[in-house]
């Protein structure tokens, strides 16, 4: 895909937005490949409030992870806040719903291009792309 753009790799030093889209595409490809053996499916989430998650990874047993992709560490906070807001909406819905409650996300993950992974105090996992594997 990148080769089809016909640009030198150094071009992306000046166009981080495009590089961010490429990073997201690579992450989704990896998640599809690595979760396939578990019957994993990847989808996208956007609701009527304008909230979105870059990716939702679903497993056959009903577990799911909300995922954001952020190239650098400066955007991790933004990605985590999106995931926490979606989880908050599910909790609010479940307080009102008496029959069919929604399952809370089993994981909230920000996948990054950074070097270190960790678990934030709010429960969001920060995972470097290099840590994705089967």
Protein backbone atom coordinates (compact mmCIF):
# COMPACT_ATOMS: atom_id res chain seq x y z
CA UNK A 1 0.00 0.00 0.00
CA UNK A 2 2.73 2.48 0.93
CA UNK A 3 4.69 1.67 -2.21
CA UNK A 4 1.63 2.58 -4.27
CA UNK A 5 1.93 6.14 -2.99
CA UNK A 6 5.24 6.44 -4.82
CA UNK A 7 6.91 8.52 -2.13
CA UNK A 8 10.20 8.23 -0.32
CA UNK A 9 9.89 6.98 3.29
CA UNK A 10 11.25 10.34 4.52
CA UNK A 11 8.06 11.94 3.15
CA UNK A 12 6.20 10.69 6.21
CA UNK A 13 8.41 12.81 8.48
CA UNK A 14 6.46 15.75 7.07
CA UNK A 15 3.04 14.11 6.76
CA UNK A 16 2.31 12.47 10.09
CA UNK A 17 -1.44 12.43 9.44
CA UNK A 18 -1.05 10.10 6.45
CA UNK A 19 1.50 8.05 8.36
CA UNK A 20 -1.06 7.74 11.19
CA UNK A 21 -3.59 6.25 8.75
CA UNK A 22 -0.97 3.79 7.52
CA UNK A 23 -0.11 2.89 11.13
CA UNK A 24 -3.81 2.24 11.86
CA UNK A 25 -4.12 0.03 8.79
CA UNK A 26 -1.07 -2.00 9.80
CA UNK A 27 -2.43 -2.46 13.32
CA UNK A 28 -5.81 -3.66 12.04
CA UNK A 29 -4.10 -6.09 9.66
CA UNK A 30 -2.03 -7.48 12.54
CA UNK A 31 -5.08 -7.80 14.81
CA UNK A 32 -6.99 -9.66 12.09
CA UNK A 33 -4.12 -12.07 11.47
CA UNK A 34 -3.30 -12.74 15.12
CA UNK A 35 -6.90 -13.11 16.28
CA UNK A 36 -8.00 -15.33 13.38
CA UNK A 37 -6.97 -18.52 15.19
CA UNK A 38 -9.34 -17.53 18.01
CA UNK A 39 -12.18 -16.74 15.61
CA UNK A 40 -11.66 -13.03 16.19
CA UNK A 41 -13.49 -10.43 14.15
CA UNK A 42 -12.57 -6.78 13.79
CA UNK A 43 -15.09 -3.97 13.43
CA UNK A 44 -15.36 -0.22 13.86
CA UNK A 45 -17.49 1.65 16.39
CA UNK A 46 -19.23 4.98 15.99
CA UNK A 47 -22.39 5.98 17.84
CA UNK A 48 -25.05 8.66 17.59
CA UNK A 49 -23.11 10.82 20.06
CA UNK A 50 -20.14 10.95 17.69
CA UNK A 51 -18.04 8.71 19.91
CA UNK A 52 -15.87 6.25 18.07
CA UNK A 53 -13.29 3.57 18.62
CA UNK A 54 -10.81 2.87 15.86
CA UNK A 55 -11.36 -0.84 16.29
CA UNK A 56 -13.42 -3.36 18.21
CA UNK A 57 -11.95 -6.85 18.43
CA UNK A 58 -14.71 -9.46 19.03
CA UNK A 59 -14.11 -13.04 20.11
CA UNK A 60 -16.58 -15.91 19.65
CA UNK A 61 -17.25 -16.22 23.37
CA UNK A 62 -18.59 -12.66 23.56
CA UNK A 63 -15.49 -10.98 24.92
CA UNK A 64 -14.43 -7.81 23.18
CA UNK A 65 -11.79 -5.11 23.31
CA UNK A 66 -12.20 -1.44 22.45
CA UNK A 67 -9.04 -0.23 20.70
CA UNK A 68 -7.60 3.12 19.68
CA UNK A 69 -4.47 3.57 17.56
CA UNK A 70 -2.16 6.44 18.42
CA UNK A 71 1.19 6.82 16.73
CA UNK A 72 2.90 8.84 19.46
CA UNK A 73 2.75 9.15 23.21
CA UNK A 74 1.25 12.67 23.04
CA UNK A 75 -2.09 11.24 21.86
CA UNK A 76 -2.41 8.34 24.31
CA UNK A 77 -4.52 10.39 26.74
CA UNK A 78 -6.99 11.31 24.00
CA UNK A 79 -7.34 7.69 22.89
CA UNK A 80 -7.83 6.46 26.45
CA UNK A 81 -10.49 9.10 27.15
CA UNK A 82 -12.48 7.97 24.08
CA UNK A 83 -12.44 4.37 25.31
CA UNK A 84 -13.41 5.33 28.85
CA UNK A 85 -16.30 7.48 27.59
CA UNK A 86 -17.69 4.58 25.55
CA UNK A 87 -17.43 2.31 28.60
CA UNK A 88 -19.19 4.98 30.65
CA UNK A 89 -22.08 5.09 28.16
CA UNK A 90 -22.46 1.31 28.37
CA UNK A 91 -22.60 1.56 32.18
CA UNK A 92 -25.23 4.32 31.98
CA UNK A 93 -27.30 2.23 29.58
CA UNK A 94 -27.07 -0.81 31.86
CA UNK A 95 -28.36 1.20 34.85
CA UNK A 96 -31.60 1.91 32.94
CA UNK A 97 -31.94 -1.40 31.11
CA UNK A 98 -33.82 -4.08 33.02
CA UNK A 99 -33.82 -6.98 30.54
CA UNK A 100 -30.85 -7.07 28.16
CA UNK A 101 -27.79 -5.37 29.55
CA UNK A 102 -24.77 -4.71 27.37
CA UNK A 103 -21.49 -6.40 28.13
CA UNK A 104 -18.76 -4.05 29.29
CA UNK A 105 -15.53 -4.16 27.27
CA UNK A 106 -13.16 -6.80 28.55
CA UNK A 107 -10.18 -4.71 27.53
CA UNK A 108 -9.57 -1.09 26.62
CA UNK A 109 -6.35 -0.76 24.61
CA UNK A 110 -4.41 2.08 23.03
CA UNK A 111 -1.97 0.60 20.50
CA UNK A 112 0.97 2.92 19.91
CA UNK A 113 4.16 3.33 17.99
CA UNK A 114 5.97 3.93 21.26
CA UNK A 115 8.51 1.64 22.92
CA UNK A 116 6.95 0.79 26.29
CA UNK A 117 3.70 -0.87 27.28
CA UNK A 118 1.91 -0.40 30.57
CA UNK A 119 -1.43 -0.45 32.32
CA UNK A 120 -2.77 2.97 33.24
CA UNK A 121 -4.47 3.56 36.63
CA UNK A 122 -7.83 3.81 34.79
CA UNK A 123 -7.38 0.26 33.44
CA UNK A 124 -6.52 1.21 29.85
CA UNK A 125 -3.64 -0.84 28.44
CA UNK A 126 -1.02 0.98 26.37
CA UNK A 127 0.48 -1.55 23.98
CA UNK A 128 3.32 -0.92 21.50
CA UNK A 129 2.60 -2.32 18.02
CA UNK A 130 5.74 -4.46 18.37
CA UNK A 131 4.01 -6.42 21.14
CA UNK A 132 1.19 -7.64 18.90
CA UNK A 133 1.58 -11.34 18.23
CA UNK A 134 -0.44 -14.51 18.24
